[in-house]
Amino acid sequence: MPENTHEQSSSASLQFHGSRMSGIFRYIPLFLFVLILYLVGYPIFSDPRHELVGHLGPYGLSWVEVLLVFAAVLSLVEQMKVSHPGIDNTLEALGMVGMGVLQLILFVLGAAAVKGFSIFNTTEFLMLTFISLAAAVVAILINARTLRRTIGVGDN
């Protein structure tokens, strides 16, 4: 029983303290790992659409399919990083946008046939860039809406 009963209010209060990445890792966009996987896998798999994982029943997975599923899952995890009401995650969201812009620049340089950037002139990298940019835009919107909700409702 609390000592100060006059501090209790009749409205319900939800307290959520989820685990968060701490330190510098919370500011590192997870799509950096997708980019690293792409760079490592590009020279290893001459045909990224060739079946990589053996038959899982009637299913077979290629390298690009594994990479795209990994990118989609990481984009959802990125959005979870910025979805905590009352916490300003603008820097994390801007890091995601920065990663998407970096990928877009790499793709444009590859598409413009700049020497050394041809690795980024692929359909696979274009799809990864699209997923990254879409996730970054949604993360910005989620962060803005959770902050607006906090400002509108207040800290009490």
N, C-alpha and C. Protein backbone atom coordinates (compact mmCIF):
# COMPACT_ATOMS: atom_id res chain seq x y z
N MET A 1 0.84 -1.17 0.00
CA MET A 1 0.00 0.00 0.00
C MET A 1 0.88 1.23 0.00
N PRO A 2 0.72 2.18 -0.93
CA PRO A 2 1.55 3.37 -0.97
C PRO A 2 1.26 4.30 0.19
N GLU A 3 2.31 5.00 0.63
CA GLU A 3 2.15 5.92 1.74
C GLU A 3 1.29 7.12 1.36
N ASN A 4 1.51 7.67 0.19
CA ASN A 4 0.78 8.86 -0.25
C ASN A 4 -0.37 8.45 -1.15
N THR A 5 -1.51 8.21 -0.58
CA THR A 5 -2.65 7.77 -1.37
C THR A 5 -3.23 8.90 -2.19
N HIS A 6 -2.96 10.15 -1.83
CA HIS A 6 -3.50 11.27 -2.60
C HIS A 6 -2.79 11.42 -3.96
N GLU A 7 -1.63 10.73 -4.17
CA GLU A 7 -0.92 10.81 -5.44
C GLU A 7 -1.51 9.86 -6.48
N GLN A 8 -2.35 8.92 -6.05
CA GLN A 8 -2.95 8.01 -7.00
C GLN A 8 -4.09 8.71 -7.72
N SER A 9 -4.20 8.44 -9.01
CA SER A 9 -5.30 9.03 -9.77
C SER A 9 -6.24 7.93 -10.21
N SER A 10 -7.44 8.34 -10.61
CA SER A 10 -8.43 7.35 -11.02
C SER A 10 -8.18 6.87 -12.45
N SER A 11 -7.33 7.55 -13.23
CA SER A 11 -7.07 7.13 -14.60
C SER A 11 -6.03 6.02 -14.62
N ALA A 12 -6.15 5.17 -15.60
CA ALA A 12 -5.21 4.07 -15.74
C ALA A 12 -3.91 4.60 -16.33
N SER A 13 -2.82 4.03 -15.89
CA SER A 13 -1.51 4.46 -16.38
C SER A 13 -0.76 3.22 -16.85
N LEU A 14 -0.21 3.32 -18.03
CA LEU A 14 0.55 2.22 -18.60
C LEU A 14 2.03 2.57 -18.55
N GLN A 15 2.78 1.75 -17.87
CA GLN A 15 4.22 1.95 -17.79
C GLN A 15 4.90 0.85 -18.57
N PHE A 16 5.72 1.21 -19.54
CA PHE A 16 6.42 0.23 -20.35
C PHE A 16 7.89 0.61 -20.39
N HIS A 17 8.71 -0.29 -19.97
CA HIS A 17 10.15 -0.06 -20.01
C HIS A 17 10.77 -1.25 -20.71
N GLY A 18 10.76 -1.23 -22.03
CA GLY A 18 11.34 -2.31 -22.80
C GLY A 18 12.85 -2.21 -22.84
N SER A 19 13.48 -3.28 -23.27
CA SER A 19 14.93 -3.24 -23.39
C SER A 19 15.29 -2.44 -24.63
N ARG A 20 16.32 -1.65 -24.50
CA ARG A 20 16.77 -0.80 -25.60
C ARG A 20 18.26 -1.03 -25.81
N MET A 21 18.67 -0.84 -27.05
CA MET A 21 20.09 -0.89 -27.32
C MET A 21 20.73 0.31 -26.65
N SER A 22 21.88 0.10 -26.08
CA SER A 22 22.52 1.21 -25.40
C SER A 22 23.82 1.57 -26.10
N GLY A 23 24.34 2.71 -25.74
CA GLY A 23 25.61 3.15 -26.29
C GLY A 23 25.53 3.50 -27.76
N ILE A 24 26.64 3.30 -28.43
CA ILE A 24 26.75 3.68 -29.83
C ILE A 24 25.91 2.78 -30.74
N PHE A 25 25.63 1.55 -30.30
CA PHE A 25 24.91 0.60 -31.16
C PHE A 25 23.49 1.05 -31.47
N ARG A 26 22.90 1.88 -30.61
CA ARG A 26 21.54 2.32 -30.91
C ARG A 26 21.51 3.30 -32.08
N TYR A 27 22.66 3.90 -32.39
CA TYR A 27 22.73 4.86 -33.48
C TYR A 27 23.22 4.24 -34.79
N ILE A 28 23.63 2.99 -34.77
CA ILE A 28 24.09 2.32 -35.98
C ILE A 28 22.88 1.74 -36.70
N PRO A 29 22.63 2.19 -37.94
CA PRO A 29 21.50 1.62 -38.68
C PRO A 29 21.75 0.14 -38.97
N LEU A 30 20.74 -0.68 -38.75
CA LEU A 30 20.88 -2.11 -38.97
C LEU A 30 21.08 -2.45 -40.44
N PHE A 31 20.70 -1.54 -41.33
CA PHE A 31 20.90 -1.79 -42.74
C PHE A 31 22.38 -1.76 -43.13
N LEU A 32 23.23 -1.28 -42.23
CA LEU A 32 24.66 -1.37 -42.46
C LEU A 32 25.06 -2.85 -42.55
N PHE A 33 24.44 -3.69 -41.74
CA PHE A 33 24.73 -5.12 -41.78
C PHE A 33 24.23 -5.76 -43.08
N VAL A 34 23.11 -5.26 -43.59
CA VAL A 34 22.61 -5.75 -44.88
C VAL A 34 23.59 -5.38 -45.99
N LEU A 35 24.09 -4.14 -45.94
CA LEU A 35 25.07 -3.70 -46.93
C LEU A 35 26.34 -4.55 -46.85
N ILE A 36 26.78 -4.85 -45.64
CA ILE A 36 27.97 -5.69 -45.48
C ILE A 36 27.72 -7.09 -46.03
N LEU A 37 26.55 -7.66 -45.72
CA LEU A 37 26.21 -8.98 -46.28
C LEU A 37 26.17 -8.96 -47.80
N TYR A 38 25.63 -7.88 -48.36
CA TYR A 38 25.58 -7.75 -49.82
C TYR A 38 27.00 -7.71 -50.39
N LEU A 39 27.87 -6.91 -49.77
CA LEU A 39 29.24 -6.79 -50.27
C LEU A 39 30.01 -8.10 -50.13
N VAL A 40 29.76 -8.85 -49.06
CA VAL A 40 30.43 -10.13 -48.86
C VAL A 40 29.87 -11.18 -49.82
N GLY A 41 28.56 -11.18 -50.00
CA GLY A 41 27.92 -12.20 -50.82
C GLY A 41 28.05 -11.97 -52.32
N TYR A 42 28.23 -10.74 -52.75
CA TYR A 42 28.29 -10.44 -54.19
C TYR A 42 29.39 -11.22 -54.91
N PRO A 43 30.62 -11.21 -54.41
CA PRO A 43 31.65 -11.98 -55.13
C PRO A 43 31.54 -13.49 -54.91
N ILE A 44 30.90 -13.91 -53.84
CA ILE A 44 30.79 -15.34 -53.55
C ILE A 44 29.76 -16.01 -54.46
N PHE A 45 28.63 -15.34 -54.66
CA PHE A 45 27.54 -15.93 -55.45
C PHE A 45 27.51 -15.28 -56.82
N SER A 46 28.00 -16.00 -57.82
CA SER A 46 28.04 -15.44 -59.17
C SER A 46 26.63 -15.22 -59.72
N ASP A 47 25.70 -16.09 -59.36
CA ASP A 47 24.31 -15.92 -59.75
C ASP A 47 23.48 -15.81 -58.47
N PRO A 48 23.11 -14.58 -58.08
CA PRO A 48 22.40 -14.41 -56.80
C PRO A 48 21.01 -15.04 -56.79
N ARG A 49 20.48 -15.38 -57.96
CA ARG A 49 19.15 -15.99 -58.02
C ARG A 49 19.21 -17.52 -58.09
N HIS A 50 20.42 -18.06 -58.11
CA HIS A 50 20.58 -19.52 -58.09
C HIS A 50 20.20 -20.04 -56.72
N GLU A 51 19.55 -21.19 -56.70
CA GLU A 51 19.07 -21.75 -55.44
C GLU A 51 20.23 -22.01 -54.49
N LEU A 52 20.13 -21.39 -53.33
CA LEU A 52 21.19 -21.49 -52.32
C LEU A 52 20.88 -22.60 -51.33
N VAL A 53 19.70 -22.55 -50.77
CA VAL A 53 19.28 -23.53 -49.78
C VAL A 53 18.56 -24.65 -50.53
N GLY A 54 18.96 -25.87 -50.23
CA GLY A 54 18.34 -27.01 -50.88
C GLY A 54 16.84 -27.05 -50.71
N HIS A 55 16.25 -27.99 -51.28
CA HIS A 55 14.79 -28.05 -51.27
C HIS A 55 14.27 -28.25 -49.85
N LEU A 56 13.49 -27.30 -49.42
CA LEU A 56 12.79 -27.40 -48.14
C LEU A 56 11.35 -27.76 -48.48
N GLY A 57 11.18 -29.03 -48.73
CA GLY A 57 9.88 -29.45 -49.27
C GLY A 57 9.80 -28.92 -50.69
N PRO A 58 8.71 -28.24 -51.02
CA PRO A 58 8.60 -27.69 -52.37
C PRO A 58 9.29 -26.33 -52.52
N TYR A 59 9.99 -25.87 -51.48
CA TYR A 59 10.57 -24.53 -51.48
C TYR A 59 12.08 -24.57 -51.67
N GLY A 60 12.59 -23.57 -52.32
CA GLY A 60 14.03 -23.38 -52.47
C GLY A 60 14.31 -21.90 -52.34
N LEU A 61 15.40 -21.55 -51.70
CA LEU A 61 15.73 -20.14 -51.49
C LEU A 61 17.04 -19.79 -52.18
N SER A 62 17.03 -18.65 -52.84
CA SER A 62 18.25 -18.14 -53.45
C SER A 62 18.89 -17.15 -52.50
N TRP A 63 20.13 -16.76 -52.80
CA TRP A 63 20.85 -15.80 -51.98
C TRP A 63 20.08 -14.49 -51.89
N VAL A 64 19.56 -14.02 -52.99
CA VAL A 64 18.86 -12.73 -52.98
C VAL A 64 17.57 -12.81 -52.17
N GLU A 65 16.90 -13.94 -52.19
CA GLU A 65 15.69 -14.09 -51.39
C GLU A 65 16.01 -14.09 -49.90
N VAL A 66 17.07 -14.75 -49.52
CA VAL A 66 17.50 -14.75 -48.12
C VAL A 66 17.86 -13.33 -47.70
N LEU A 67 18.57 -12.62 -48.54
CA LEU A 67 18.98 -11.25 -48.25
C LEU A 67 17.78 -10.31 -48.15
N LEU A 68 16.81 -10.48 -49.03
CA LEU A 68 15.62 -9.62 -48.99
C LEU A 68 14.76 -9.90 -47.76
N VAL A 69 14.63 -11.15 -47.37
CA VAL A 69 13.88 -11.47 -46.15
C VAL A 69 14.61 -10.89 -44.94
N PHE A 70 15.92 -11.03 -44.90
CA PHE A 70 16.72 -10.46 -43.82
C PHE A 70 16.55 -8.95 -43.76
N ALA A 71 16.55 -8.29 -44.92
CA ALA A 71 16.37 -6.84 -44.98
C ALA A 71 14.97 -6.44 -44.50
N ALA A 72 13.96 -7.20 -44.87
CA ALA A 72 12.60 -6.88 -44.45
C ALA A 72 12.45 -7.03 -42.92
N VAL A 73 13.04 -8.07 -42.36
CA VAL A 73 12.98 -8.26 -40.91
C VAL A 73 13.73 -7.15 -40.20
N LEU A 74 14.90 -6.80 -40.69
CA LEU A 74 15.66 -5.71 -40.07
C LEU A 74 14.95 -4.37 -40.18
N SER A 75 14.21 -4.17 -41.26
CA SER A 75 13.47 -2.91 -41.38
C SER A 75 12.39 -2.82 -40.30
N LEU A 76 11.78 -3.95 -39.96
CA LEU A 76 10.79 -3.95 -38.87
C LEU A 76 11.46 -3.72 -37.52
N VAL A 77 12.63 -4.30 -37.32
CA VAL A 77 13.37 -4.08 -36.08
C VAL A 77 13.79 -2.61 -35.96
N GLU A 78 14.20 -2.02 -37.08
CA GLU A 78 14.56 -0.60 -37.09
C GLU A 78 13.37 0.25 -36.65
N GLN A 79 12.19 -0.09 -37.11
CA GLN A 79 11.01 0.68 -36.74
C GLN A 79 10.68 0.51 -35.26
N MET A 80 10.98 -0.65 -34.70
CA MET A 80 10.76 -0.86 -33.27
C MET A 80 11.69 0.03 -32.45
N LYS A 81 12.87 0.36 -33.00
CA LYS A 81 13.81 1.21 -32.27
C LYS A 81 13.23 2.61 -32.03
N VAL A 82 12.34 3.05 -32.88
CA VAL A 82 11.83 4.43 -32.78
C VAL A 82 10.37 4.49 -32.35
N SER A 83 9.83 3.40 -31.88
CA SER A 83 8.39 3.36 -31.60
C SER A 83 8.02 3.53 -30.13
N HIS A 84 8.94 3.94 -29.30
CA HIS A 84 8.67 4.09 -27.87
C HIS A 84 8.11 5.48 -27.59
N PRO A 85 6.85 5.58 -27.15
CA PRO A 85 6.27 6.90 -26.85
C PRO A 85 7.06 7.61 -25.76
N GLY A 86 7.24 8.90 -25.95
CA GLY A 86 7.91 9.71 -24.96
C GLY A 86 9.41 9.75 -25.07
N ILE A 87 9.97 8.98 -25.98
CA ILE A 87 11.42 8.96 -26.14
C ILE A 87 11.75 9.53 -27.52
N ASP A 88 12.59 10.53 -27.54
CA ASP A 88 12.98 11.17 -28.80
C ASP A 88 14.06 10.32 -29.47
N ASN A 89 13.68 9.66 -30.54
CA ASN A 89 14.60 8.81 -31.30
C ASN A 89 14.91 9.42 -32.65
N THR A 90 14.94 10.74 -32.70
CA THR A 90 15.17 11.42 -33.97
C THR A 90 16.53 11.08 -34.55
N LEU A 91 17.56 10.98 -33.71
CA LEU A 91 18.89 10.66 -34.22
C LEU A 91 18.93 9.26 -34.83
N GLU A 92 18.25 8.30 -34.20
CA GLU A 92 18.20 6.95 -34.76
C GLU A 92 17.49 6.96 -36.11
N ALA A 93 16.36 7.68 -36.18
CA ALA A 93 15.60 7.75 -37.43
C ALA A 93 16.41 8.45 -38.52
N LEU A 94 17.13 9.51 -38.16
CA LEU A 94 17.96 10.20 -39.15
C LEU A 94 19.13 9.33 -39.60
N GLY A 95 19.64 8.49 -38.71
CA GLY A 95 20.67 7.52 -39.11
C GLY A 95 20.15 6.54 -40.14
N MET A 96 18.89 6.12 -39.98
CA MET A 96 18.27 5.22 -40.96
C MET A 96 18.12 5.92 -42.31
N VAL A 97 17.71 7.19 -42.27
CA VAL A 97 17.59 7.95 -43.51
C VAL A 97 18.96 8.10 -44.16
N GLY A 98 19.97 8.39 -43.34
CA GLY A 98 21.33 8.52 -43.87
C GLY A 98 21.81 7.24 -44.53
N MET A 99 21.48 6.10 -43.94
CA MET A 99 21.86 4.81 -44.53
C MET A 99 21.14 4.60 -45.85
N GLY A 100 19.86 4.95 -45.90
CA GLY A 100 19.11 4.83 -47.16
C GLY A 100 19.66 5.74 -48.23
N VAL A 101 20.03 6.95 -47.86
CA VAL A 101 20.61 7.89 -48.81
C VAL A 101 21.96 7.38 -49.31
N LEU A 102 22.77 6.82 -48.40
CA LEU A 102 24.05 6.24 -48.82
C LEU A 102 23.83 5.14 -49.85
N GLN A 103 22.85 4.27 -49.58
CA GLN A 103 22.56 3.20 -50.53
C GLN A 103 22.08 3.77 -51.86
N LEU A 104 21.27 4.81 -51.82
CA LEU A 104 20.78 5.43 -53.05
C LEU A 104 21.94 6.03 -53.84
N ILE A 105 22.88 6.68 -53.16
CA ILE A 105 24.05 7.24 -53.83
C ILE A 105 24.88 6.13 -54.47
N LEU A 106 25.08 5.04 -53.74
CA LEU A 106 25.83 3.91 -54.29
C LEU A 106 25.14 3.34 -55.53
N PHE A 107 23.81 3.23 -55.48
CA PHE A 107 23.07 2.73 -56.63
C PHE A 107 23.20 3.68 -57.82
N VAL A 108 23.06 4.97 -57.59
CA VAL A 108 23.16 5.96 -58.67
C VAL A 108 24.56 5.93 -59.28
N LEU A 109 25.59 5.83 -58.45
CA LEU A 109 26.95 5.75 -58.98
C LEU A 109 27.14 4.48 -59.82
N GLY A 110 26.55 3.39 -59.35
CA GLY A 110 26.62 2.15 -60.13
C GLY A 110 25.86 2.26 -61.43
N ALA A 111 24.67 2.85 -61.38
CA ALA A 111 23.86 3.00 -62.60
C ALA A 111 24.51 3.97 -63.59
N ALA A 112 25.28 4.93 -63.09
CA ALA A 112 25.98 5.88 -63.96
C ALA A 112 27.29 5.30 -64.50
N ALA A 113 27.56 4.05 -64.20
CA ALA A 113 28.75 3.33 -64.67
C ALA A 113 30.05 3.98 -64.20
N VAL A 114 30.04 4.52 -62.99
CA VAL A 114 31.25 5.06 -62.40
C VAL A 114 32.15 3.87 -62.03
N LYS A 115 33.42 3.99 -62.41
CA LYS A 115 34.35 2.88 -62.20
C LYS A 115 34.42 2.52 -60.72
N GLY A 116 34.33 1.23 -60.43
CA GLY A 116 34.40 0.73 -59.06
C GLY A 116 33.06 0.61 -58.36
N PHE A 117 31.99 1.08 -58.98
CA PHE A 117 30.67 1.04 -58.35
C PHE A 117 29.69 0.13 -59.10
N SER A 118 30.18 -0.66 -60.03
CA SER A 118 29.30 -1.52 -60.81
C SER A 118 28.63 -2.59 -59.95
N ILE A 119 29.21 -2.90 -58.82
CA ILE A 119 28.64 -3.88 -57.90
C ILE A 119 27.25 -3.45 -57.41
N PHE A 120 27.00 -2.14 -57.43
CA PHE A 120 25.73 -1.60 -56.94
C PHE A 120 24.70 -1.39 -58.04
N ASN A 121 25.03 -1.73 -59.26
CA ASN A 121 24.10 -1.57 -60.38
C ASN A 121 23.39 -2.89 -60.66
N THR A 122 22.64 -3.36 -59.67
CA THR A 122 21.89 -4.60 -59.81
C THR A 122 20.46 -4.40 -59.32
N THR A 123 19.60 -5.24 -59.79
CA THR A 123 18.21 -5.21 -59.34
C THR A 123 18.13 -5.52 -57.85
N GLU A 124 18.97 -6.43 -57.39
CA GLU A 124 18.96 -6.81 -55.99
C GLU A 124 19.30 -5.61 -55.09
N PHE A 125 20.32 -4.84 -55.49
CA PHE A 125 20.69 -3.69 -54.68
C PHE A 125 19.63 -2.60 -54.74
N LEU A 126 18.98 -2.46 -55.89
CA LEU A 126 17.87 -1.50 -56.00
C LEU A 126 16.75 -1.88 -55.04
N MET A 127 16.41 -3.16 -54.95
CA MET A 127 15.36 -3.60 -54.03
C MET A 127 15.76 -3.37 -52.58
N LEU A 128 17.02 -3.66 -52.24
CA LEU A 128 17.50 -3.41 -50.88
C LEU A 128 17.45 -1.92 -50.54
N THR A 129 17.79 -1.08 -51.51
CA THR A 129 17.74 0.37 -51.31
C THR A 129 16.31 0.83 -51.10
N PHE A 130 15.40 0.29 -51.87
CA PHE A 130 13.98 0.66 -51.73
C PHE A 130 13.47 0.26 -50.34
N ILE A 131 13.79 -0.95 -49.89
CA ILE A 131 13.36 -1.39 -48.56
C ILE A 131 13.95 -0.49 -47.49
N SER A 132 15.22 -0.15 -47.61
CA SER A 132 15.88 0.70 -46.63
C SER A 132 15.26 2.09 -46.57
N LEU A 133 15.01 2.70 -47.73
CA LEU A 133 14.42 4.04 -47.75
C LEU A 133 12.98 4.03 -47.24
N ALA A 134 12.22 3.01 -47.62
CA ALA A 134 10.83 2.92 -47.15
C ALA A 134 10.80 2.75 -45.64
N ALA A 135 11.68 1.92 -45.10
CA ALA A 135 11.73 1.72 -43.65
C ALA A 135 12.15 3.00 -42.94
N ALA A 136 13.06 3.76 -43.54
CA ALA A 136 13.51 5.01 -42.93
C ALA A 136 12.40 6.05 -42.89
N VAL A 137 11.63 6.14 -43.97
CA VAL A 137 10.50 7.09 -44.00
C VAL A 137 9.46 6.71 -42.96
N VAL A 138 9.14 5.43 -42.86
CA VAL A 138 8.18 4.97 -41.87
C VAL A 138 8.72 5.21 -40.46
N ALA A 139 10.02 5.01 -40.24
CA ALA A 139 10.61 5.25 -38.92
C ALA A 139 10.51 6.73 -38.53
N ILE A 140 10.73 7.63 -39.48
CA ILE A 140 10.58 9.06 -39.20
C ILE A 140 9.14 9.36 -38.80
N LEU A 141 8.18 8.79 -39.53
CA LEU A 141 6.77 9.03 -39.22
C LEU A 141 6.39 8.45 -37.87
N ILE A 142 6.85 7.25 -37.56
CA ILE A 142 6.55 6.64 -36.27
C ILE A 142 7.12 7.49 -35.14
N ASN A 143 8.37 7.91 -35.29
CA ASN A 143 9.00 8.73 -34.25
C ASN A 143 8.24 10.04 -34.07
N ALA A 144 7.86 10.68 -35.15
CA ALA A 144 7.13 11.95 -35.05
C ALA A 144 5.77 11.76 -34.39
N ARG A 145 5.08 10.69 -34.73
CA ARG A 145 3.76 10.45 -34.15
C ARG A 145 3.84 10.10 -32.68
N THR A 146 4.84 9.31 -32.27
CA THR A 146 4.94 8.99 -30.85
C THR A 146 5.33 10.22 -30.05
N LEU A 147 6.16 11.09 -30.63
CA LEU A 147 6.50 12.33 -29.92
C LEU A 147 5.29 13.25 -29.83
N ARG A 148 4.54 13.36 -30.93
CA ARG A 148 3.35 14.22 -30.93
C ARG A 148 2.33 13.72 -29.91
N ARG A 149 2.17 12.41 -29.83
CA ARG A 149 1.24 11.82 -28.87
C ARG A 149 1.69 12.15 -27.44
N THR A 150 2.98 12.08 -27.18
CA THR A 150 3.50 12.38 -25.87
C THR A 150 3.29 13.85 -25.53
N ILE A 151 3.53 14.71 -26.49
CA ILE A 151 3.34 16.15 -26.25
C ILE A 151 1.86 16.44 -26.01
N GLY A 152 0.98 15.79 -26.78
CA GLY A 152 -0.45 16.03 -26.63
C GLY A 152 -1.03 15.50 -25.33
N VAL A 153 -0.55 14.33 -24.89
CA VAL A 153 -1.06 13.71 -23.68
C VAL A 153 -0.34 14.25 -22.45
N GLY A 154 0.92 14.54 -22.60
CA GLY A 154 1.70 15.02 -21.46
C GLY A 154 2.37 13.87 -20.75
N ASP A 155 3.23 14.21 -19.84
CA ASP A 155 3.99 13.19 -19.11
C ASP A 155 3.22 12.62 -17.94
N ASN A 156 2.13 13.22 -17.57
CA ASN A 156 1.37 12.72 -16.42
C ASN A 156 0.39 11.69 -16.90
